[in-house]
C-alpha atoms as a PDB file:
ATOM      1  CA  MET A   1      29.811 133.843 -26.664  1.00  0.00           C
ATOM      2  CA  LYS A   2      31.822 137.055 -27.239  1.00  0.00           C
ATOM      3  CA  ILE A   3      30.054 140.403 -27.158  1.00  0.00           C
ATOM      4  CA  LEU A   4      30.867 143.270 -29.752  1.00  0.00           C
ATOM      5  CA  ASN A   5      29.291 146.652 -28.907  1.00  0.00           C
ATOM      6  CA  PHE A   6      29.987 148.777 -32.187  1.00  0.00           C
ATOM      7  CA  GLY A   7      28.751 152.128 -30.855  1.00  0.00           C
ATOM      8  CA  SER A   8      29.214 155.615 -29.801  1.00  0.00           C
ATOM      9  CA  ILE A   9      31.422 157.147 -27.126  1.00  0.00           C
ATOM     10  CA  ASN A  10      31.118 160.690 -26.142  1.00  0.00           C
ATOM     11  CA  ILE A  11      32.196 163.576 -23.924  1.00  0.00           C
ATOM     12  CA  ASP A  12      29.225 164.470 -21.883  1.00  0.00           C
ATOM     13  CA  ILE A  13      28.925 167.892 -20.582  1.00  0.00           C
ATOM     14  CA  THR A  14      25.743 167.774 -17.769  1.00  0.00           C
ATOM     15  CA  TYR A  15      24.086 170.775 -16.450  1.00  0.00           C
ATOM     16  CA  ARG A  16      21.804 170.692 -13.526  1.00  0.00           C
ATOM     17  CA  VAL A  17      19.097 173.139 -13.982  1.00  0.00           C
ATOM     18  CA  PRO A  18      15.695 173.995 -12.388  1.00  0.00           C
ATOM     19  CA  HIS A  19      13.897 173.356 -15.692  1.00  0.00           C
ATOM     20  CA  PHE A  20      14.944 172.895 -19.212  1.00  0.00           C
ATOM     21  CA  VAL A  21      15.816 176.081 -21.091  1.00  0.00           C
ATOM     22  CA  ARG A  22      12.958 177.601 -22.912  1.00  0.00           C
ATOM     23  CA  PRO A  23      13.449 179.500 -26.390  1.00  0.00           C
ATOM     24  CA  GLY A  24      15.109 182.938 -25.784  1.00  0.00           C
ATOM     25  CA  GLU A  25      15.640 182.081 -22.098  1.00  0.00           C
ATOM     26  CA  THR A  26      19.100 182.482 -20.550  1.00  0.00           C
ATOM     27  CA  LEU A  27      19.304 180.180 -17.528  1.00  0.00           C
ATOM     28  CA  SER A  28      21.812 179.770 -14.658  1.00  0.00           C
ATOM     29  CA  ALA A  29      22.749 176.312 -14.166  1.00  0.00           C
ATOM     30  CA  ARG A  30      23.451 174.984 -10.593  1.00  0.00           C
ATOM     31  CA  SER A  31      26.337 172.863 -11.602  1.00  0.00           C
ATOM     32  CA  VAL A  32      28.252 171.323 -14.406  1.00  0.00           C
ATOM     33  CA  THR A  33      30.078 168.042 -14.802  1.00  0.00           C
ATOM     34  CA  ARG A  34      32.301 166.426 -17.780  1.00  0.00           C
ATOM     35  CA  ASN A  35      31.952 162.741 -17.996  1.00  0.00           C
ATOM     36  CA  ALA A  36      32.204 159.849 -20.407  1.00  0.00           C
ATOM     37  CA  GLY A  37      28.736 159.029 -22.380  1.00  0.00           C
ATOM     38  CA  GLY A  38      27.194 157.986 -25.398  1.00  0.00           C
ATOM     39  CA  LYS A  39      24.528 155.225 -25.641  1.00  0.00           C
ATOM     40  CA  GLY A  40      27.362 152.899 -27.021  1.00  0.00           C
ATOM     41  CA  PHE A  41      29.638 153.592 -24.128  1.00  0.00           C
ATOM     42  CA  ASN A  42      26.680 153.397 -21.479  1.00  0.00           C
ATOM     43  CA  GLN A  43      25.661 150.015 -22.680  1.00  0.00           C
ATOM     44  CA  SER A  44      29.329 148.648 -22.795  1.00  0.00           C
ATOM     45  CA  VAL A  45      29.624 149.576 -19.259  1.00  0.00           C
ATOM     46  CA  ALA A  46      26.221 148.038 -18.359  1.00  0.00           C
ATOM     47  CA  LEU A  47      27.206 144.768 -20.171  1.00  0.00           C
ATOM     48  CA  ALA A  48      30.565 144.697 -18.310  1.00  0.00           C
ATOM     49  CA  ARG A  49      29.048 145.584 -14.927  1.00  0.00           C
ATOM     50  CA  ALA A  50      26.476 142.868 -15.481  1.00  0.00           C
ATOM     51  CA  GLY A  51      29.316 140.467 -15.815  1.00  0.00           C
ATOM     52  CA  CYS A  52      29.797 140.305 -19.707  1.00  0.00           C
ATOM     53  CA  GLU A  53      33.153 140.171 -21.539  1.00  0.00           C
ATOM     54  CA  VAL A  54      32.338 143.134 -24.009  1.00  0.00           C
ATOM     55  CA  CYS A  55      34.512 144.769 -26.512  1.00  0.00           C
ATOM     56  CA  HIS A  56      33.586 148.459 -27.650  1.00  0.00           C
ATOM     57  CA  ALA A  57      34.589 149.258 -31.142  1.00  0.00           C
ATOM     58  CA  GLY A  58      34.322 152.887 -32.260  1.00  0.00           C
ATOM     59  CA  HIS A  59      36.396 155.996 -32.809  1.00  0.00           C
ATOM     60  CA  ILE A  60      37.407 159.095 -30.475  1.00  0.00           C
ATOM     61  CA  GLY A  61      39.407 161.885 -31.245  1.00  0.00           C
ATOM     62  CA  GLU A  62      42.520 163.157 -29.590  1.00  0.00           C
ATOM     63  CA  ASP A  63      40.405 165.191 -27.156  1.00  0.00           C
ATOM     64  CA  GLY A  64      38.845 161.699 -25.919  1.00  0.00           C
ATOM     65  CA  ALA A  65      42.169 159.908 -24.847  1.00  0.00           C
ATOM     66  CA  PHE A  66      40.998 159.794 -21.237  1.00  0.00           C
ATOM     67  CA  LEU A  67      38.009 157.592 -22.502  1.00  0.00           C
ATOM     68  CA  LEU A  68      40.391 154.575 -23.060  1.00  0.00           C
ATOM     69  CA  ASP A  69      41.391 154.781 -19.513  1.00  0.00           C
ATOM     70  CA  LEU A  70      37.769 154.957 -18.437  1.00  0.00           C
ATOM     71  CA  CYS A  71      36.613 151.845 -20.534  1.00  0.00           C
ATOM     72  CA  LYS A  72      39.497 149.739 -19.041  1.00  0.00           C
ATOM     73  CA  LYS A  73      38.454 151.137 -15.534  1.00  0.00           C
ATOM     74  CA  TYR A  74      34.868 149.727 -16.121  1.00  0.00           C
ATOM     75  CA  GLY A  75      36.077 146.510 -17.725  1.00  0.00           C
ATOM     76  CA  VAL A  76      35.404 147.146 -21.233  1.00  0.00           C
ATOM     77  CA  GLY A  77      37.688 145.978 -23.987  1.00  0.00           C
ATOM     78  CA  THR A  78      39.298 148.724 -26.146  1.00  0.00           C
ATOM     79  CA  ASP A  79      41.155 146.623 -28.891  1.00  0.00           C
ATOM     80  CA  ASP A  80      38.855 148.057 -31.424  1.00  0.00           C
ATOM     81  CA  LEU A  81      38.529 151.604 -29.988  1.00  0.00           C
ATOM     82  CA  THR A  82      40.846 153.764 -32.238  1.00  0.00           C
ATOM     83  CA  MET A  83      41.780 157.291 -32.335  1.00  0.00           C
ATOM     84  CA  VAL A  84      41.023 159.517 -35.395  1.00  0.00           C
ATOM     85  CA  ASP A  85      41.825 162.908 -36.603  1.00  0.00           C
ATOM     86  CA  VAL A  86      38.102 164.056 -35.813  1.00  0.00           C
ATOM     87  CA  PRO A  87      36.824 165.585 -32.483  1.00  0.00           C
ATOM     88  CA  THR A  88      35.202 163.085 -30.153  1.00  0.00           C
ATOM     89  CA  GLY A  89      31.431 162.972 -30.134  1.00  0.00           C
ATOM     90  CA  ASN A  90      29.980 165.237 -27.351  1.00  0.00           C
ATOM     91  CA  ALA A  91      26.588 165.831 -25.699  1.00  0.00           C
ATOM     92  CA  VAL A  92      25.231 168.737 -23.931  1.00  0.00           C
ATOM     93  CA  ILE A  93      22.638 167.491 -21.286  1.00  0.00           C
ATOM     94  CA  GLN A  94      20.408 169.441 -19.169  1.00  0.00           C
ATOM     95  CA  VAL A  95      18.953 167.576 -15.918  1.00  0.00           C
ATOM     96  CA  ASP A  96      16.058 169.187 -14.224  1.00  0.00           C
ATOM     97  CA  ASP A  97      14.845 168.965 -10.620  1.00  0.00           C
ATOM     98  CA  ASP A  98      12.687 165.716 -11.383  1.00  0.00           C
ATOM     99  CA  GLY A  99      15.653 163.978 -12.780  1.00  0.00           C
ATOM    100  CA  ALA A 100      14.409 164.256 -16.426  1.00  0.00           C
ATOM    101  CA  ASN A 101      16.843 164.970 -18.981  1.00  0.00           C
ATOM    102  CA  CYS A 102      17.008 166.528 -22.641  1.00  0.00           C
ATOM    103  CA  ILE A 103      20.131 166.101 -24.848  1.00  0.00           C
ATOM    104  CA  MET A 104      21.850 167.879 -27.677  1.00  0.00           C
ATOM    105  CA  LEU A 105      24.284 165.607 -29.480  1.00  0.00           C
ATOM    106  CA  TYR A 106      27.363 166.353 -31.727  1.00  0.00           C
ATOM    107  CA  GLY A 107      28.357 162.979 -33.506  1.00  0.00           C
ATOM    108  CA  GLY A 108      32.066 163.841 -34.235  1.00  0.00           C
ATOM    109  CA  ALA A 109      34.117 160.803 -34.484  1.00  0.00           C
ATOM    110  CA  ASN A 110      31.276 158.567 -34.075  1.00  0.00           C
ATOM    111  CA  GLN A 111      30.254 159.586 -37.645  1.00  0.00           C
ATOM    112  CA  ALA A 112      33.908 158.702 -39.074  1.00  0.00           C
ATOM    113  CA  MET A 113      33.395 154.762 -39.564  1.00  0.00           C
ATOM    114  CA  ASP A 114      34.424 153.337 -42.836  1.00  0.00           C
ATOM    115  CA  MET A 115      34.179 150.053 -44.438  1.00  0.00           C
ATOM    116  CA  ASP A 116      37.735 148.962 -44.026  1.00  0.00           C
ATOM    117  CA  PHE A 117      37.522 149.696 -40.235  1.00  0.00           C
ATOM    118  CA  ILE A 118      34.166 147.648 -39.800  1.00  0.00           C
ATOM    119  CA  ARG A 119      35.597 144.552 -41.798  1.00  0.00           C
ATOM    120  CA  GLN A 120      38.685 144.951 -39.429  1.00  0.00           C
ATOM    121  CA  VAL A 121      36.398 144.601 -36.428  1.00  0.00           C
ATOM    122  CA  LEU A 122      34.019 142.044 -37.396  1.00  0.00           C
ATOM    123  CA  SER A 123      36.955 139.800 -38.370  1.00  0.00           C
ATOM    124  CA  HIS A 124      37.654 139.375 -34.602  1.00  0.00           C
ATOM    125  CA  PHE A 125      34.351 137.733 -34.115  1.00  0.00           C
ATOM    126  CA  GLU A 126      32.469 134.487 -35.235  1.00  0.00           C
ATOM    127  CA  LYS A 127      29.297 132.939 -35.713  1.00  0.00           C
ATOM    128  CA  GLY A 128      27.218 132.842 -32.539  1.00  0.00           C
ATOM    129  CA  ASP A 129      28.841 136.026 -30.998  1.00  0.00           C
ATOM    130  CA  MET A 130      26.493 138.878 -30.293  1.00  0.00           C
ATOM    131  CA  ILE A 131      26.845 142.466 -31.636  1.00  0.00           C
ATOM    132  CA  VAL A 132      25.107 145.198 -29.857  1.00  0.00           C
ATOM    133  CA  LEU A 133      24.245 148.437 -31.901  1.00  0.00           C
ATOM    134  CA  GLN A 134      22.706 151.865 -31.359  1.00  0.00           C
ATOM    135  CA  ASN A 135      21.902 154.640 -33.778  1.00  0.00           C
ATOM    136  CA  GLU A 136      24.688 157.029 -32.979  1.00  0.00           C
ATOM    137  CA  ILE A 137      27.286 155.990 -35.647  1.00  0.00           C
ATOM    138  CA  ASN A 138      27.316 155.938 -39.233  1.00  0.00           C
ATOM    139  CA  CYS A 139      27.211 152.892 -41.801  1.00  0.00           C
ATOM    140  CA  MET A 140      24.718 151.088 -39.622  1.00  0.00           C
ATOM    141  CA  ASN A 141      23.217 149.359 -42.427  1.00  0.00           C
ATOM    142  CA  GLU A 142      26.471 147.918 -43.798  1.00  0.00           C
ATOM    143  CA  ILE A 143      27.339 147.092 -40.205  1.00  0.00           C
ATOM    144  CA  MET A 144      24.104 145.149 -39.757  1.00  0.00           C
ATOM    145  CA  GLN A 145      24.395 143.419 -43.136  1.00  0.00           C
ATOM    146  CA  MET A 146      28.047 142.348 -42.611  1.00  0.00           C
ATOM    147  CA  ALA A 147      27.377 141.086 -39.107  1.00  0.00           C
ATOM    148  CA  HIS A 148      24.319 138.961 -40.387  1.00  0.00           C
ATOM    149  CA  ASP A 149      26.351 137.693 -43.205  1.00  0.00           C
ATOM    150  CA  ALA A 150      28.888 136.556 -40.490  1.00  0.00           C
ATOM    151  CA  GLY A 151      26.299 134.711 -38.382  1.00  0.00           C
ATOM    152  CA  LEU A 152      26.390 137.210 -35.485  1.00  0.00           C
ATOM    153  CA  LEU A 153      23.318 137.582 -33.374  1.00  0.00           C
ATOM    154  CA  ILE A 154      22.167 141.292 -33.571  1.00  0.00           C
ATOM    155  CA  ALA A 155      20.715 143.365 -30.849  1.00  0.00           C
ATOM    156  CA  ILE A 156      19.955 146.977 -31.783  1.00  0.00           C
ATOM    157  CA  ASN A 157      18.367 150.038 -29.975  1.00  0.00           C
ATOM    158  CA  PRO A 158      17.648 152.185 -32.843  1.00  0.00           C
ATOM    159  CA  ALA A 159      18.095 155.505 -30.863  1.00  0.00           C
ATOM    160  CA  PRO A 160      17.836 158.215 -31.999  1.00  0.00           C
ATOM    161  CA  MET A 161      15.119 157.170 -34.344  1.00  0.00           C
ATOM    162  CA  ASN A 162      15.981 158.459 -37.789  1.00  0.00           C
ATOM    163  CA  ASP A 163      16.350 157.158 -41.232  1.00  0.00           C
ATOM    164  CA  ASN A 164      20.130 156.196 -40.855  1.00  0.00           C
ATOM    165  CA  VAL A 165      18.849 152.649 -40.055  1.00  0.00           C
ATOM    166  CA  SER A 166      16.472 151.315 -42.843  1.00  0.00           C
ATOM    167  CA  LYS A 167      13.618 149.097 -41.950  1.00  0.00           C
ATOM    168  CA  GLU A 168      14.986 146.437 -44.334  1.00  0.00           C
ATOM    169  CA  SER A 169      18.175 146.402 -42.167  1.00  0.00           C
ATOM    170  CA  LEU A 170      15.846 146.096 -38.808  1.00  0.00           C
ATOM    171  CA  LYS A 171      14.718 142.880 -40.364  1.00  0.00           C
ATOM    172  CA  LEU A 172      18.129 141.469 -39.877  1.00  0.00           C
ATOM    173  CA  ALA A 173      17.920 141.972 -35.919  1.00  0.00           C
ATOM    174  CA  ASP A 174      17.425 139.110 -33.642  1.00  0.00           C
ATOM    175  CA  TRP A 175      16.410 141.642 -30.938  1.00  0.00           C
ATOM    176  CA  ILE A 176      15.049 145.222 -31.242  1.00  0.00           C
ATOM    177  CA  ILE A 177      15.136 147.453 -28.021  1.00  0.00           C
ATOM    178  CA  LEU A 178      12.803 150.375 -28.030  1.00  0.00           C
ATOM    179  CA  ASN A 179      11.147 152.917 -25.741  1.00  0.00           C
ATOM    180  CA  GLU A 180       7.651 153.737 -26.264  1.00  0.00           C
ATOM    181  CA  THR A 181       8.660 157.139 -28.116  1.00  0.00           C
ATOM    182  CA  GLU A 182      10.686 155.232 -30.535  1.00  0.00           C
ATOM    183  CA  ALA A 183       8.256 152.500 -31.028  1.00  0.00           C
ATOM    184  CA  GLU A 184       5.578 155.359 -31.870  1.00  0.00           C
ATOM    185  CA  GLU A 185       8.072 156.648 -34.485  1.00  0.00           C
ATOM    186  CA  LEU A 186       8.614 153.276 -36.070  1.00  0.00           C
ATOM    187  CA  THR A 187       5.086 152.124 -36.051  1.00  0.00           C
ATOM    188  CA  GLY A 188       2.944 155.249 -36.021  1.00  0.00           C
ATOM    189  CA  GLU A 189       0.808 154.007 -32.942  1.00  0.00           C
ATOM    190  CA  LYS A 190       0.786 155.210 -29.347  1.00  0.00           C
ATOM    191  CA  ASP A 191      -0.672 152.136 -27.830  1.00  0.00           C
ATOM    192  CA  PRO A 192       1.853 149.420 -26.642  1.00  0.00           C
ATOM    193  CA  LYS A 193      -0.222 146.749 -27.712  1.00  0.00           C
ATOM    194  CA  GLU A 194      -0.654 147.937 -31.148  1.00  0.00           C
ATOM    195  CA  GLN A 195       3.004 148.963 -31.405  1.00  0.00           C
ATOM    196  CA  LEU A 196       3.996 145.331 -30.678  1.00  0.00           C
ATOM    197  CA  GLU A 197       1.355 144.136 -33.237  1.00  0.00           C
ATOM    198  CA  LYS A 198       2.895 146.251 -35.945  1.00  0.00           C
ATOM    199  CA  LEU A 199       6.278 145.476 -34.982  1.00  0.00           C
ATOM    200  CA  ALA A 200       5.770 141.759 -35.178  1.00  0.00           C
ATOM    201  CA  ASP A 201       4.104 142.232 -38.452  1.00  0.00           C
ATOM    202  CA  ARG A 202       6.717 144.297 -39.981  1.00  0.00           C
ATOM    203  CA  PHE A 203       9.789 142.366 -38.297  1.00  0.00           C
ATOM    204  CA  PRO A 204       8.620 138.711 -38.015  1.00  0.00           C
ATOM    205  CA  ASP A 205      11.969 137.355 -37.345  1.00  0.00           C
ATOM    206  CA  SER A 206      12.915 139.591 -34.700  1.00  0.00           C
ATOM    207  CA  ALA A 207      12.113 139.622 -30.610  1.00  0.00           C
ATOM    208  CA  PHE A 208      11.129 143.005 -28.996  1.00  0.00           C
ATOM    209  CA  LEU A 209      11.928 144.784 -25.730  1.00  0.00           C
ATOM    210  CA  LEU A 210       9.817 147.500 -25.124  1.00  0.00           C
ATOM    211  CA  THR A 211      10.359 149.976 -22.304  1.00  0.00           C
ATOM    212  CA  LEU A 212       7.641 152.208 -21.051  1.00  0.00           C
ATOM    213  CA  GLY A 213       9.207 154.321 -18.283  1.00  0.00           C
ATOM    214  CA  VAL A 214       7.384 154.302 -15.120  1.00  0.00           C
ATOM    215  CA  ARG A 215       4.772 151.962 -16.313  1.00  0.00           C
ATOM    216  CA  GLY A 216       7.232 149.070 -16.742  1.00  0.00           C
ATOM    217  CA  SER A 217       8.537 147.058 -19.744  1.00  0.00           C
ATOM    218  CA  ILE A 218       7.116 144.389 -22.159  1.00  0.00           C
ATOM    219  CA  CYS A 219       9.396 141.612 -23.840  1.00  0.00           C
ATOM    220  CA  GLN A 220       7.870 139.564 -26.967  1.00  0.00           C
ATOM    221  CA  THR A 221       9.612 136.659 -28.124  1.00  0.00           C
ATOM    222  CA  GLY A 222       9.003 133.394 -29.591  1.00  0.00           C
ATOM    223  CA  GLY A 223       5.156 134.083 -29.646  1.00  0.00           C
ATOM    224  CA  GLU A 224       5.286 134.761 -25.816  1.00  0.00           C
ATOM    225  CA  ARG A 225       4.917 138.150 -24.045  1.00  0.00           C
ATOM    226  CA  PHE A 226       6.126 139.056 -20.572  1.00  0.00           C
ATOM    227  CA  THR A 227       5.451 142.178 -18.719  1.00  0.00           C
ATOM    228  CA  LEU A 228       6.796 143.782 -15.557  1.00  0.00           C
ATOM    229  CA  GLY A 229       5.905 147.005 -13.893  1.00  0.00           C
ATOM    230  CA  SER A 230       8.800 149.408 -12.830  1.00  0.00           C
ATOM    231  CA  CYS A 231      10.254 149.805  -9.478  1.00  0.00           C
ATOM    232  CA  LYS A 232       9.137 152.952  -7.567  1.00  0.00           C
ATOM    233  CA  VAL A 233      12.212 155.142  -6.462  1.00  0.00           C
ATOM    234  CA  ASN A 234      13.176 158.856  -6.181  1.00  0.00           C
ATOM    235  CA  ALA A 235      14.677 159.330  -9.518  1.00  0.00           C
ATOM    236  CA  VAL A 236      17.627 161.954  -9.356  1.00  0.00           C
ATOM    237  CA  ASP A 237      18.944 161.523 -12.960  1.00  0.00           C
ATOM    238  CA  THR A 238      17.423 159.171 -15.795  1.00  0.00           C
ATOM    239  CA  THR A 239      20.321 159.886 -18.236  1.00  0.00           C
ATOM    240  CA  ALA A 240      21.527 156.160 -18.387  1.00  0.00           C
ATOM    241  CA  ALA A 241      18.312 154.455 -17.389  1.00  0.00           C
ATOM    242  CA  GLY A 242      17.479 152.923 -20.694  1.00  0.00           C
ATOM    243  CA  ASP A 243      21.078 151.898 -21.599  1.00  0.00           C
ATOM    244  CA  THR A 244      21.432 150.218 -18.071  1.00  0.00           C
ATOM    245  CA  PHE A 245      18.164 148.267 -18.750  1.00  0.00           C
ATOM    246  CA  ALA A 246      19.189 147.183 -22.336  1.00  0.00           C
ATOM    247  CA  GLY A 247      22.665 146.144 -21.024  1.00  0.00           C
ATOM    248  CA  PHE A 248      21.509 144.084 -18.041  1.00  0.00           C
ATOM    249  CA  PHE A 249      18.497 142.549 -20.112  1.00  0.00           C
ATOM    250  CA  LEU A 250      21.080 141.243 -22.782  1.00  0.00           C
ATOM    251  CA  ALA A 251      23.593 140.247 -20.069  1.00  0.00           C
ATOM    252  CA  GLU A 252      21.055 137.940 -18.662  1.00  0.00           C
ATOM    253  CA  LEU A 253      19.699 136.549 -21.991  1.00  0.00           C
ATOM    254  CA  THR A 254      23.486 135.598 -23.121  1.00  0.00           C
ATOM    255  CA  ALA A 255      23.809 133.831 -19.682  1.00  0.00           C
ATOM    256  CA  GLY A 256      20.903 131.572 -20.442  1.00  0.00           C
ATOM    257  CA  ALA A 257      18.368 133.481 -18.262  1.00  0.00           C
ATOM    258  CA  ALA A 258      14.595 133.397 -19.197  1.00  0.00           C
ATOM    259  CA  PRO A 259      13.071 136.776 -20.537  1.00  0.00           C
ATOM    260  CA  ASP A 260      11.100 137.199 -17.306  1.00  0.00           C
ATOM    261  CA  ARG A 261      13.926 136.822 -15.181  1.00  0.00           C
ATOM    262  CA  ALA A 262      16.176 139.078 -17.676  1.00  0.00           C
ATOM    263  CA  LEU A 263      13.260 141.722 -17.270  1.00  0.00           C
ATOM    264  CA  LEU A 264      13.386 141.572 -13.324  1.00  0.00           C
ATOM    265  CA  THR A 265      17.226 141.989 -13.382  1.00  0.00           C
ATOM    266  CA  ALA A 266      17.204 145.012 -15.953  1.00  0.00           C
ATOM    267  CA  THR A 267      14.289 146.491 -14.039  1.00  0.00           C
ATOM    268  CA  ARG A 268      16.022 146.457 -10.547  1.00  0.00           C
ATOM    269  CA  ALA A 269      19.412 147.751 -12.445  1.00  0.00           C
ATOM    270  CA  SER A 270      17.804 150.861 -13.973  1.00  0.00           C
ATOM    271  CA  ALA A 271      16.100 151.715 -10.816  1.00  0.00           C
ATOM    272  CA  LEU A 272      19.393 151.875  -8.905  1.00  0.00           C
ATOM    273  CA  ALA A 273      20.990 153.669 -11.903  1.00  0.00           C
ATOM    274  CA  VAL A 274      18.229 156.646 -11.392  1.00  0.00           C
ATOM    275  CA  MET A 275      18.919 157.141  -7.901  1.00  0.00           C
ATOM    276  CA  LYS A 276      22.501 158.229  -8.786  1.00  0.00           C
ATOM    277  CA  GLN A 277      23.710 161.170 -10.795  1.00  0.00           C
ATOM    278  CA  GLY A 278      25.465 160.793 -13.829  1.00  0.00           C
ATOM    279  CA  ALA A 279      25.559 158.249 -16.735  1.00  0.00           C
ATOM    280  CA  ALA A 280      28.022 155.275 -16.666  1.00  0.00           C
ATOM    281  CA  GLN A 281      29.193 156.133 -13.048  1.00  0.00           C
ATOM    282  CA  SER A 282      25.436 155.598 -11.969  1.00  0.00           C
ATOM    283  CA  ILE A 283      25.446 152.072 -13.385  1.00  0.00           C
ATOM    284  CA  PRO A 284      25.340 149.323 -10.590  1.00  0.00           C
ATOM    285  CA  SER A 285      27.326 146.139 -10.512  1.00  0.00           C
ATOM    286  CA  MET A 286      25.472 142.647 -11.053  1.00  0.00           C
ATOM    287  CA  GLU A 287      26.419 141.967  -7.168  1.00  0.00           C
ATOM    288  CA  GLU A 288      24.434 145.344  -6.457  1.00  0.00           C
ATOM    289  CA  VAL A 289      21.443 144.167  -8.458  1.00  0.00           C
ATOM    290  CA  ARG A 290      21.383 140.681  -7.005  1.00  0.00           C
ATOM    291  CA  ALA A 291      21.393 142.189  -3.621  1.00  0.00           C
ATOM    292  CA  CYS A 292      18.755 144.552  -4.435  1.00  0.00           C
ATOM    293  CA  SER A 293      15.233 143.870  -2.764  1.00  0.00           C
ATOM    294  CA  LEU A 294      13.271 146.560  -4.774  1.00  0.00           C
ATOM    295  CA  VAL A 295       9.868 144.886  -5.761  1.00  0.00           C
ATOM    296  CA  PRO A 296       8.350 146.076  -9.261  1.00  0.00           C
ATOM    297  CA  ALA A 297       4.847 147.193  -9.178  1.00  0.00           C
ATOM    298  CA  GLU A 298       2.019 145.491 -11.154  1.00  0.00           C
ATOM    299  CA  PHE A 299       2.351 146.311 -14.804  1.00  0.00           C
ATOM    300  CA  SER A 300      -0.334 148.216 -16.227  1.00  0.00           C
ATOM    301  CA  TRP A 301      -1.016 148.826 -19.968  1.00  0.00           C
ATOM    302  CA  ASN A 302      -2.697 152.092 -19.470  1.00  0.00           C
END
């Protein structure tokens, strides 16, 4: 099975701050770094670090030429990552003393996909291959329909949650990956049990991965539900935690692992990631995850 990640790639500018900037406030940052980012790029790196052969499809501008070298460094295929006459997408990220983050995003080249490019990319893949998607590029509904028509397995993390991806398109997904905030926006429910019930009712042909931060995660597939608590660690930077979780979870599934094993691997991978600063550079290798002895806590619905 080949894996195509059709997604965003950004230049991330990250500021370490004592607290998030408040309206009208001017705040001195303790440090600033410039790295590659974007949910698409982070998930490609996670898939590659987890041992998958993954191709990243998308656009960068001339200012993002260094991103091609970074993809190759992390083992991500770049045959379908092209340069266009639009600035590379970028994000301004604040990380506070607790490791939490807030992000301001500019789409740039990530919003420059067109149908010719989409058809060209999808022609390199065939029935049974997997396409991984997020919601930081344009033409998402068209990509999902064309991937479905081609017989690709579709895994989507529709973040940030907005109207760019229609609920009709989400019905095409084999896997829908959400955090609790995104699930609330999609279902109108706060309680995870009610979120999963509504998700199953609206998207009967899909399986779901729901991440709940420090509470843990839930996988619902084939009429079964699996839960696992989180690993208790001292978080330094949570920027790529969700992308790491998604990448390692999908990597385990495509390797034939059962959902409960995939949850354990993804939980340990994301725990290791948050103990380091940065996004892609914080993502561990599968060897590091396999050697990890962190034990998840008991899962709690509350």
